[in-house]
Every structure is written in structure tokens, then in C-alpha cells.
Amino acid sequence: DFDDPGLKCKYFALFGLGQVFSSAYDITNTSVLPGSAFFARAMS
């Protein structure tokens, strides 16, 4: 059941935080911060 927008917003925000906290120091792609895609989707 992945269609509830309220729960999807909450967990996508958590996914974004999980990605930004688990990123290594040698970031190869510096154009977008880790977790930003989940954050943007949660904001929408």
C-alpha cells in the first residue's frame, strides 16, 4: 500500500535523511546532495 501521500511524504523524508547520513567522504557526483531527490519528492 504505497499510495497514501501522507505516509509517502514522511518515509521519503526519512529516506533522504538516511542517504545524506550514510554518504561517504569521497563524493564523486557533487551536483546534487545525497537524499535531495527523496526530499524534493516529499516536498511535492
All heavy atoms as atom14 arrays in JSON, in Angstrom:
{
  "sequence": "DFDDPGLKCKYFALFGLGQVFSSAYDITNTSVLPGSAFFARAMS",
  "atom14_mask": [
    [1, 1, 1, 1, 1, 1, 1, 1, 0, 0, 0, 0, 0, 0],
    [1, 1, 1, 1, 1, 1, 1, 1, 1, 1, 1, 0, 0, 0],
    [1, 1, 1, 1, 1, 1, 1, 1, 0, 0, 0, 0, 0, 0],
    [1, 1, 1, 1, 1, 1, 1, 1, 0, 0, 0, 0, 0, 0],
    [1, 1, 1, 1, 1, 1, 1, 0, 0, 0, 0, 0, 0, 0],
    [1, 1, 1, 1, 0, 0, 0, 0, 0, 0, 0, 0, 0, 0],
    [1, 1, 1, 1, 1, 1, 1, 1, 0, 0, 0, 0, 0, 0],
    [1, 1, 1, 1, 1, 1, 1, 1, 1, 0, 0, 0, 0, 0],
    [1, 1, 1, 1, 1, 1, 0, 0, 0, 0, 0, 0, 0, 0],
    [1, 1, 1, 1, 1, 1, 1, 1, 1, 0, 0, 0, 0, 0],
    [1, 1, 1, 1, 1, 1, 1, 1, 1, 1, 1, 1, 0, 0],
    [1, 1, 1, 1, 1, 1, 1, 1, 1, 1, 1, 0, 0, 0],
    [1, 1, 1, 1, 1, 0, 0, 0, 0, 0, 0, 0, 0, 0],
    [1, 1, 1, 1, 1, 1, 1, 1, 0, 0, 0, 0, 0, 0],
    [1, 1, 1, 1, 1, 1, 1, 1, 1, 1, 1, 0, 0, 0],
    [1, 1, 1, 1, 0, 0, 0, 0, 0, 0, 0, 0, 0, 0],
    [1, 1, 1, 1, 1, 1, 1, 1, 0, 0, 0, 0, 0, 0],
    [1, 1, 1, 1, 0, 0, 0, 0, 0, 0, 0, 0, 0, 0],
    [1, 1, 1, 1, 1, 1, 1, 1, 1, 0, 0, 0, 0, 0],
    [1, 1, 1, 1, 1, 1, 1, 0, 0, 0, 0, 0, 0, 0],
    [1, 1, 1, 1, 1, 1, 1, 1, 1, 1, 1, 0, 0, 0],
    [1, 1, 1, 1, 1, 1, 0, 0, 0, 0, 0, 0, 0, 0],
    [1, 1, 1, 1, 1, 1, 0, 0, 0, 0, 0, 0, 0, 0],
    [1, 1, 1, 1, 1, 0, 0, 0, 0, 0, 0, 0, 0, 0],
    [1, 1, 1, 1, 1, 1, 1, 1, 1, 1, 1, 1, 0, 0],
    [1, 1, 1, 1, 1, 1, 1, 1, 0, 0, 0, 0, 0, 0],
    [1, 1, 1, 1, 1, 1, 1, 1, 0, 0, 0, 0, 0, 0],
    [1, 1, 1, 1, 1, 1, 1, 0, 0, 0, 0, 0, 0, 0],
    [1, 1, 1, 1, 1, 1, 1, 1, 0, 0, 0, 0, 0, 0],
    [1, 1, 1, 1, 1, 1, 1, 0, 0, 0, 0, 0, 0, 0],
    [1, 1, 1, 1, 1, 1, 0, 0, 0, 0, 0, 0, 0, 0],
    [1, 1, 1, 1, 1, 1, 1, 0, 0, 0, 0, 0, 0, 0],
    [1, 1, 1, 1, 1, 1, 1, 1, 0, 0, 0, 0, 0, 0],
    [1, 1, 1, 1, 1, 1, 1, 0, 0, 0, 0, 0, 0, 0],
    [1, 1, 1, 1, 0, 0, 0, 0, 0, 0, 0, 0, 0, 0],
    [1, 1, 1, 1, 1, 1, 0, 0, 0, 0, 0, 0, 0, 0],
    [1, 1, 1, 1, 1, 0, 0, 0, 0, 0, 0, 0, 0, 0],
    [1, 1, 1, 1, 1, 1, 1, 1, 1, 1, 1, 0, 0, 0],
    [1, 1, 1, 1, 1, 1, 1, 1, 1, 1, 1, 0, 0, 0],
    [1, 1, 1, 1, 1, 0, 0, 0, 0, 0, 0, 0, 0, 0],
    [1, 1, 1, 1, 1, 1, 1, 1, 1, 1, 1, 0, 0, 0],
    [1, 1, 1, 1, 1, 0, 0, 0, 0, 0, 0, 0, 0, 0],
    [1, 1, 1, 1, 1, 1, 1, 1, 0, 0, 0, 0, 0, 0],
    [1, 1, 1, 1, 1, 1, 0, 0, 0, 0, 0, 0, 0, 0]
  ],
  "atom14_positions": [
    [[0.86, -1.18, 0.0], [0.0, 0.0, 0.0], [0.9, 1.24, 0.0], [1.28, 1.76, 1.05], [-0.91, -0.02, 1.23], [-1.87, 1.16, 1.25], [-2.0, 1.84, 0.2], [-2.49, 1.4, 2.31], [0.0, 0.0, 0.0], [0.0, 0.0, 0.0], [0.0, 0.0, 0.0], [0.0, 0.0, 0.0], [0.0, 0.0, 0.0], [0.0, 0.0, 0.0]],
    [[1.26, 1.7, -1.18], [2.22, 2.8, -1.31], [1.56, 4.09, -1.81], [2.25, 5.0, -2.26], [3.33, 2.41, -2.28], [4.07, 1.17, -1.89], [4.1, 0.07, -2.75], [4.72, 1.08, -0.67], [4.79, -1.09, -2.4], [5.41, -0.07, -0.32], [5.44, -1.17, -1.17], [0.0, 0.0, 0.0], [0.0, 0.0, 0.0], [0.0, 0.0, 0.0]],
    [[0.24, 4.17, -1.76], [-0.46, 5.29, -2.38], [-0.85, 6.4, -1.41], [-1.34, 7.44, -1.83], [-1.72, 4.78, -3.1], [-1.38, 3.83, -4.23], [-0.3, 4.0, -4.83], [-2.19, 2.92, -4.5], [0.0, 0.0, 0.0], [0.0, 0.0, 0.0], [0.0, 0.0, 0.0], [0.0, 0.0, 0.0], [0.0, 0.0, 0.0], [0.0, 0.0, 0.0]],
    [[-0.68, 6.18, -0.11], [-1.05, 7.21, 0.87], [-0.04, 8.35, 0.78], [1.15, 8.18, 1.12], [-1.05, 6.61, 2.28], [-1.59, 7.59, 3.32], [-1.48, 8.82, 3.11], [-2.12, 7.12, 4.34], [0.0, 0.0, 0.0], [0.0, 0.0, 0.0], [0.0, 0.0, 0.0], [0.0, 0.0, 0.0], [0.0, 0.0, 0.0], [0.0, 0.0, 0.0]],
    [[-0.44, 9.56, 0.34], [0.54, 10.64, 0.17], [1.14, 11.11, 1.49], [2.3, 11.53, 1.53], [-0.3, 11.76, -0.49], [-1.71, 11.45, -0.15], [-1.8, 9.96, -0.05], [0.0, 0.0, 0.0], [0.0, 0.0, 0.0], [0.0, 0.0, 0.0], [0.0, 0.0, 0.0], [0.0, 0.0, 0.0], [0.0, 0.0, 0.0], [0.0, 0.0, 0.0]],
    [[0.38, 11.02, 2.6], [0.92, 11.43, 3.89], [2.04, 10.53, 4.35], [3.11, 11.01, 4.78], [0.0, 0.0, 0.0], [0.0, 0.0, 0.0], [0.0, 0.0, 0.0], [0.0, 0.0, 0.0], [0.0, 0.0, 0.0], [0.0, 0.0, 0.0], [0.0, 0.0, 0.0], [0.0, 0.0, 0.0], [0.0, 0.0, 0.0], [0.0, 0.0, 0.0]],
    [[1.83, 9.21, 4.27], [2.88, 8.26, 4.66], [4.05, 8.31, 3.69], [5.21, 8.19, 4.09], [2.3, 6.85, 4.73], [1.33, 6.58, 5.89], [0.75, 5.17, 5.78], [2.03, 6.76, 7.23], [0.0, 0.0, 0.0], [0.0, 0.0, 0.0], [0.0, 0.0, 0.0], [0.0, 0.0, 0.0], [0.0, 0.0, 0.0], [0.0, 0.0, 0.0]],
    [[3.76, 8.48, 2.41], [4.82, 8.56, 1.41], [5.72, 9.77, 1.67], [6.95, 9.69, 1.57], [4.22, 8.62, 0.01], [5.23, 8.46, -1.11], [4.52, 8.4, -2.46], [5.52, 8.18, -3.59], [4.85, 8.11, -4.92], [0.0, 0.0, 0.0], [0.0, 0.0, 0.0], [0.0, 0.0, 0.0], [0.0, 0.0, 0.0], [0.0, 0.0, 0.0]],
    [[5.11, 10.89, 2.03], [5.88, 12.1, 2.33], [6.8, 11.86, 3.53], [7.99, 12.21, 3.5], [4.93, 13.26, 2.6], [5.72, 14.78, 3.13], [0.0, 0.0, 0.0], [0.0, 0.0, 0.0], [0.0, 0.0, 0.0], [0.0, 0.0, 0.0], [0.0, 0.0, 0.0], [0.0, 0.0, 0.0], [0.0, 0.0, 0.0], [0.0, 0.0, 0.0]],
    [[6.28, 11.25, 4.58], [7.06, 11.02, 5.79], [8.23, 10.08, 5.53], [9.38, 10.38, 5.93], [6.14, 10.44, 6.88], [6.87, 10.01, 8.14], [5.89, 9.43, 9.15], [6.59, 8.89, 10.38], [5.64, 8.36, 11.38], [0.0, 0.0, 0.0], [0.0, 0.0, 0.0], [0.0, 0.0, 0.0], [0.0, 0.0, 0.0], [0.0, 0.0, 0.0]],
    [[7.98, 8.98, 4.85], [9.05, 8.0, 4.65], [10.05, 8.44, 3.6], [11.24, 8.13, 3.71], [8.44, 6.63, 4.3], [7.89, 5.93, 5.52], [6.52, 5.9, 5.76], [8.73, 5.34, 6.44], [6.0, 5.28, 6.88], [8.23, 4.7, 7.57], [6.88, 4.68, 7.79], [6.38, 4.08, 8.91], [0.0, 0.0, 0.0], [0.0, 0.0, 0.0]],
    [[9.62, 9.17, 2.61], [10.59, 9.7, 1.64], [11.51, 10.72, 2.31], [12.69, 10.82, 1.98], [9.87, 10.31, 0.45], [9.53, 9.31, -0.62], [9.22, 8.0, -0.3], [9.53, 9.67, -1.96], [8.92, 7.07, -1.28], [9.23, 8.74, -2.96], [8.92, 7.44, -2.62], [0.0, 0.0, 0.0], [0.0, 0.0, 0.0], [0.0, 0.0, 0.0]],
    [[10.97, 11.49, 3.26], [11.83, 12.4, 4.02], [12.84, 11.61, 4.85], [14.02, 11.99, 4.95], [10.98, 13.29, 4.92], [0.0, 0.0, 0.0], [0.0, 0.0, 0.0], [0.0, 0.0, 0.0], [0.0, 0.0, 0.0], [0.0, 0.0, 0.0], [0.0, 0.0, 0.0], [0.0, 0.0, 0.0], [0.0, 0.0, 0.0], [0.0, 0.0, 0.0]],
    [[12.4, 10.5, 5.44], [13.33, 9.65, 6.19], [14.36, 9.0, 5.27], [15.54, 8.88, 5.64], [12.54, 8.58, 6.95], [11.8, 9.04, 8.21], [10.84, 7.97, 8.69], [12.79, 9.4, 9.31], [0.0, 0.0, 0.0], [0.0, 0.0, 0.0], [0.0, 0.0, 0.0], [0.0, 0.0, 0.0], [0.0, 0.0, 0.0], [0.0, 0.0, 0.0]],
    [[13.93, 8.58, 4.09], [14.88, 8.0, 3.13], [15.96, 9.03, 2.76], [17.14, 8.69, 2.64], [14.15, 7.53, 1.87], [13.18, 6.4, 2.1], [12.13, 6.18, 1.21], [13.3, 5.57, 3.2], [11.23, 5.15, 1.41], [12.4, 4.53, 3.42], [11.37, 4.32, 2.52], [0.0, 0.0, 0.0], [0.0, 0.0, 0.0], [0.0, 0.0, 0.0]],
    [[15.53, 10.27, 2.54], [16.51, 11.31, 2.21], [17.51, 11.52, 3.32], [18.72, 11.67, 3.08], [0.0, 0.0, 0.0], [0.0, 0.0, 0.0], [0.0, 0.0, 0.0], [0.0, 0.0, 0.0], [0.0, 0.0, 0.0], [0.0, 0.0, 0.0], [0.0, 0.0, 0.0], [0.0, 0.0, 0.0], [0.0, 0.0, 0.0], [0.0, 0.0, 0.0]],
    [[17.04, 11.55, 4.58], [17.95, 11.7, 5.71], [18.88, 10.5, 5.83], [20.07, 10.65, 6.15], [17.15, 11.86, 7.01], [16.43, 13.2, 7.18], [15.48, 13.15, 8.38], [17.43, 14.32, 7.35], [0.0, 0.0, 0.0], [0.0, 0.0, 0.0], [0.0, 0.0, 0.0], [0.0, 0.0, 0.0], [0.0, 0.0, 0.0], [0.0, 0.0, 0.0]],
    [[18.35, 9.3, 5.57], [19.21, 8.12, 5.61], [20.32, 8.18, 4.58], [21.46, 7.78, 4.86], [0.0, 0.0, 0.0], [0.0, 0.0, 0.0], [0.0, 0.0, 0.0], [0.0, 0.0, 0.0], [0.0, 0.0, 0.0], [0.0, 0.0, 0.0], [0.0, 0.0, 0.0], [0.0, 0.0, 0.0], [0.0, 0.0, 0.0], [0.0, 0.0, 0.0]],
    [[20.01, 8.67, 3.39], [21.04, 8.77, 2.36], [22.08, 9.82, 2.68], [23.28, 9.6, 2.48], [20.39, 9.09, 1.01], [19.75, 7.9, 0.33], [19.38, 8.19, -1.12], [19.35, 9.34, -1.55], [19.08, 7.15, -1.88], [0.0, 0.0, 0.0], [0.0, 0.0, 0.0], [0.0, 0.0, 0.0], [0.0, 0.0, 0.0], [0.0, 0.0, 0.0]],
    [[21.67, 10.98, 3.18], [22.64, 12.04, 3.45], [23.53, 11.68, 4.64], [24.68, 12.11, 4.7], [21.9, 13.38, 3.68], [21.3, 13.46, 5.07], [22.84, 14.55, 3.46], [0.0, 0.0, 0.0], [0.0, 0.0, 0.0], [0.0, 0.0, 0.0], [0.0, 0.0, 0.0], [0.0, 0.0, 0.0], [0.0, 0.0, 0.0], [0.0, 0.0, 0.0]],
    [[23.02, 10.88, 5.58], [23.83, 10.47, 6.71], [24.78, 9.32, 6.38], [25.8, 9.15, 7.03], [22.94, 10.05, 7.88], [22.44, 11.2, 8.71], [21.08, 11.36, 8.93], [23.32, 12.11, 9.25], [20.61, 12.42, 9.7], [22.85, 13.18, 10.02], [21.5, 13.33, 10.24], [0.0, 0.0, 0.0], [0.0, 0.0, 0.0], [0.0, 0.0, 0.0]],
    [[24.44, 8.51, 5.37], [25.24, 7.32, 5.07], [26.2, 7.53, 3.92], [26.88, 6.59, 3.51], [24.31, 6.14, 4.74], [23.49, 6.45, 3.61], [0.0, 0.0, 0.0], [0.0, 0.0, 0.0], [0.0, 0.0, 0.0], [0.0, 0.0, 0.0], [0.0, 0.0, 0.0], [0.0, 0.0, 0.0], [0.0, 0.0, 0.0], [0.0, 0.0, 0.0]],
    [[26.32, 8.75, 3.38], [27.21, 9.0, 2.26], [28.66, 9.03, 2.73], [28.98, 9.49, 3.82], [26.88, 10.34, 1.59], [25.56, 10.31, 1.1], [0.0, 0.0, 0.0], [0.0, 0.0, 0.0], [0.0, 0.0, 0.0], [0.0, 0.0, 0.0], [0.0, 0.0, 0.0], [0.0, 0.0, 0.0], [0.0, 0.0, 0.0], [0.0, 0.0, 0.0]],
    [[29.55, 8.52, 1.87], [30.98, 8.5, 2.18], [31.6, 9.87, 1.91], [30.99, 10.75, 1.32], [31.68, 7.43, 1.35], [0.0, 0.0, 0.0], [0.0, 0.0, 0.0], [0.0, 0.0, 0.0], [0.0, 0.0, 0.0], [0.0, 0.0, 0.0], [0.0, 0.0, 0.0], [0.0, 0.0, 0.0], [0.0, 0.0, 0.0], [0.0, 0.0, 0.0]],
    [[32.85, 10.03, 2.33], [33.52, 11.32, 2.18], [33.92, 11.59, 0.74], [33.96, 12.73, 0.3], [34.77, 11.36, 3.07], [34.49, 11.77, 4.48], [33.9, 10.88, 5.37], [34.77, 13.04, 4.92], [33.63, 11.26, 6.67], [34.5, 13.43, 6.23], [33.94, 12.54, 7.1], [33.66, 12.91, 8.39], [0.0, 0.0, 0.0], [0.0, 0.0, 0.0]],
    [[34.26, 10.56, -0.03], [34.7, 10.78, -1.4], [33.49, 10.83, -2.33], [33.16, 9.87, -3.02], [35.69, 9.68, -1.82], [35.13, 8.28, -1.59], [34.17, 8.16, -0.81], [35.66, 7.34, -2.19], [0.0, 0.0, 0.0], [0.0, 0.0, 0.0], [0.0, 0.0, 0.0], [0.0, 0.0, 0.0], [0.0, 0.0, 0.0], [0.0, 0.0, 0.0]],
    [[32.82, 11.95, -2.34], [31.63, 12.13, -3.17], [32.09, 12.4, -4.61], [32.85, 13.32, -4.88], [30.78, 13.29, -2.66], [30.43, 13.07, -1.19], [29.52, 13.44, -3.48], [29.63, 11.84, -0.92], [0.0, 0.0, 0.0], [0.0, 0.0, 0.0], [0.0, 0.0, 0.0], [0.0, 0.0, 0.0], [0.0, 0.0, 0.0], [0.0, 0.0, 0.0]],
    [[31.62, 11.58, -5.53], [32.01, 11.76, -6.93], [31.06, 12.69, -7.66], [31.47, 13.49, -8.48], [32.06, 10.39, -7.63], [30.79, 9.75, -7.47], [33.14, 9.51, -7.03], [0.0, 0.0, 0.0], [0.0, 0.0, 0.0], [0.0, 0.0, 0.0], [0.0, 0.0, 0.0], [0.0, 0.0, 0.0], [0.0, 0.0, 0.0], [0.0, 0.0, 0.0]],
    [[29.76, 12.59, -7.37], [28.77, 13.45, -8.01], [28.39, 14.55, -7.04], [27.61, 14.35, -6.11], [27.54, 12.63, -8.42], [26.49, 13.5, -9.1], [26.79, 14.59, -9.57], [25.27, 12.99, -9.15], [0.0, 0.0, 0.0], [0.0, 0.0, 0.0], [0.0, 0.0, 0.0], [0.0, 0.0, 0.0], [0.0, 0.0, 0.0], [0.0, 0.0, 0.0]],
    [[28.96, 15.74, -7.23], [28.71, 16.86, -6.32], [27.64, 17.8, -6.85], [27.44, 18.86, -6.28], [30.02, 17.64, -6.1], [30.5, 18.13, -7.36], [31.07, 16.77, -5.44], [0.0, 0.0, 0.0], [0.0, 0.0, 0.0], [0.0, 0.0, 0.0], [0.0, 0.0, 0.0], [0.0, 0.0, 0.0], [0.0, 0.0, 0.0], [0.0, 0.0, 0.0]],
    [[26.98, 17.43, -7.93], [25.96, 18.33, -8.47], [24.7, 18.33, -7.63], [24.0, 19.34, -7.53], [25.62, 17.92, -9.91], [25.15, 16.58, -9.96], [0.0, 0.0, 0.0], [0.0, 0.0, 0.0], [0.0, 0.0, 0.0], [0.0, 0.0, 0.0], [0.0, 0.0, 0.0], [0.0, 0.0, 0.0], [0.0, 0.0, 0.0], [0.0, 0.0, 0.0]],
    [[24.37, 17.2, -7.0], [23.17, 17.08, -6.19], [23.56, 16.44, -4.86], [24.3, 15.46, -4.82], [22.1, 16.23, -6.89], [20.88, 16.08, -6.0], [21.7, 16.85, -8.22], [0.0, 0.0, 0.0], [0.0, 0.0, 0.0], [0.0, 0.0, 0.0], [0.0, 0.0, 0.0], [0.0, 0.0, 0.0], [0.0, 0.0, 0.0], [0.0, 0.0, 0.0]],
    [[23.05, 16.98, -3.79], [23.34, 16.44, -2.46], [22.64, 15.1, -2.29], [21.51, 14.92, -2.75], [22.84, 17.42, -1.4], [23.41, 17.27, 0.01], [24.85, 17.74, 0.03], [22.58, 18.06, 1.0], [0.0, 0.0, 0.0], [0.0, 0.0, 0.0], [0.0, 0.0, 0.0], [0.0, 0.0, 0.0], [0.0, 0.0, 0.0], [0.0, 0.0, 0.0]],
    [[23.28, 14.12, -1.66], [22.63, 12.83, -1.43], [21.31, 13.0, -0.68], [21.22, 13.77, 0.28], [23.65, 12.07, -0.58], [24.97, 12.69, -0.9], [24.68, 14.12, -1.18], [0.0, 0.0, 0.0], [0.0, 0.0, 0.0], [0.0, 0.0, 0.0], [0.0, 0.0, 0.0], [0.0, 0.0, 0.0], [0.0, 0.0, 0.0], [0.0, 0.0, 0.0]],
    [[20.3, 12.33, -1.13], [18.99, 12.41, -0.49], [18.1, 13.51, -1.02], [16.93, 13.59, -0.63], [0.0, 0.0, 0.0], [0.0, 0.0, 0.0], [0.0, 0.0, 0.0], [0.0, 0.0, 0.0], [0.0, 0.0, 0.0], [0.0, 0.0, 0.0], [0.0, 0.0, 0.0], [0.0, 0.0, 0.0], [0.0, 0.0, 0.0], [0.0, 0.0, 0.0]],
    [[18.63, 14.36, -1.9], [17.85, 15.5, -2.38], [16.64, 15.06, -3.2], [15.59, 15.72, -3.17], [18.73, 16.44, -3.22], [19.75, 17.0, -2.43], [0.0, 0.0, 0.0], [0.0, 0.0, 0.0], [0.0, 0.0, 0.0], [0.0, 0.0, 0.0], [0.0, 0.0, 0.0], [0.0, 0.0, 0.0], [0.0, 0.0, 0.0], [0.0, 0.0, 0.0]],
    [[16.77, 13.98, -3.96], [15.65, 13.51, -4.77], [14.47, 13.08, -3.89], [13.31, 13.42, -4.16], [16.09, 12.36, -5.67], [0.0, 0.0, 0.0], [0.0, 0.0, 0.0], [0.0, 0.0, 0.0], [0.0, 0.0, 0.0], [0.0, 0.0, 0.0], [0.0, 0.0, 0.0], [0.0, 0.0, 0.0], [0.0, 0.0, 0.0], [0.0, 0.0, 0.0]],
    [[14.77, 12.35, -2.82], [13.71, 11.97, -1.88], [13.11, 13.21, -1.21], [11.89, 13.29, -0.99], [14.25, 11.01, -0.83], [14.37, 9.59, -1.31], [15.6, 8.96, -1.36], [13.25, 8.87, -1.71], [15.73, 7.65, -1.78], [13.36, 7.56, -2.14], [14.59, 6.94, -2.19], [0.0, 0.0, 0.0], [0.0, 0.0, 0.0], [0.0, 0.0, 0.0]],
    [[13.95, 14.17, -0.85], [13.47, 15.39, -0.22], [12.53, 16.15, -1.15], [11.45, 16.59, -0.72], [14.66, 16.27, 0.18], [14.27, 17.66, 0.6], [13.86, 17.91, 1.9], [14.33, 18.72, -0.29], [13.49, 19.19, 2.3], [13.98, 20.0, 0.1], [13.55, 20.24, 1.4], [0.0, 0.0, 0.0], [0.0, 0.0, 0.0], [0.0, 0.0, 0.0]],
    [[12.94, 16.32, -2.4], [12.11, 17.06, -3.34], [10.77, 16.36, -3.57], [9.72, 17.01, -3.64], [12.86, 17.23, -4.67], [0.0, 0.0, 0.0], [0.0, 0.0, 0.0], [0.0, 0.0, 0.0], [0.0, 0.0, 0.0], [0.0, 0.0, 0.0], [0.0, 0.0, 0.0], [0.0, 0.0, 0.0], [0.0, 0.0, 0.0], [0.0, 0.0, 0.0]],
    [[10.82, 15.04, -3.66], [9.57, 14.3, -3.86], [8.66, 14.43, -2.64], [7.43, 14.58, -2.77], [9.88, 12.82, -4.13], [8.66, 11.98, -4.48], [7.99, 12.49, -5.72], [6.84, 11.69, -6.1], [5.75, 12.18, -6.67], [5.68, 13.48, -6.93], [4.76, 11.39, -7.0], [0.0, 0.0, 0.0], [0.0, 0.0, 0.0], [0.0, 0.0, 0.0]],
    [[9.24, 14.39, -1.45], [8.44, 14.55, -0.23], [7.84, 15.95, -0.16], [6.69, 16.11, 0.26], [9.31, 14.27, 0.99], [0.0, 0.0, 0.0], [0.0, 0.0, 0.0], [0.0, 0.0, 0.0], [0.0, 0.0, 0.0], [0.0, 0.0, 0.0], [0.0, 0.0, 0.0], [0.0, 0.0, 0.0], [0.0, 0.0, 0.0], [0.0, 0.0, 0.0]],
    [[8.59, 16.96, -0.56], [8.07, 18.32, -0.56], [6.88, 18.46, -1.5], [5.91, 19.17, -1.2], [9.17, 19.3, -0.96], [10.18, 19.59, 0.14], [9.51, 20.57, 1.5], [9.23, 22.14, 0.7], [0.0, 0.0, 0.0], [0.0, 0.0, 0.0], [0.0, 0.0, 0.0], [0.0, 0.0, 0.0], [0.0, 0.0, 0.0], [0.0, 0.0, 0.0]],
    [[6.94, 17.78, -2.63], [5.83, 17.87, -3.59], [4.57, 17.18, -3.07], [3.47, 17.47, -3.53], [6.25, 17.23, -4.92], [6.44, 15.83, -4.78], [0.0, 0.0, 0.0], [0.0, 0.0, 0.0], [0.0, 0.0, 0.0], [0.0, 0.0, 0.0], [0.0, 0.0, 0.0], [0.0, 0.0, 0.0], [0.0, 0.0, 0.0], [0.0, 0.0, 0.0]]
  ]
}
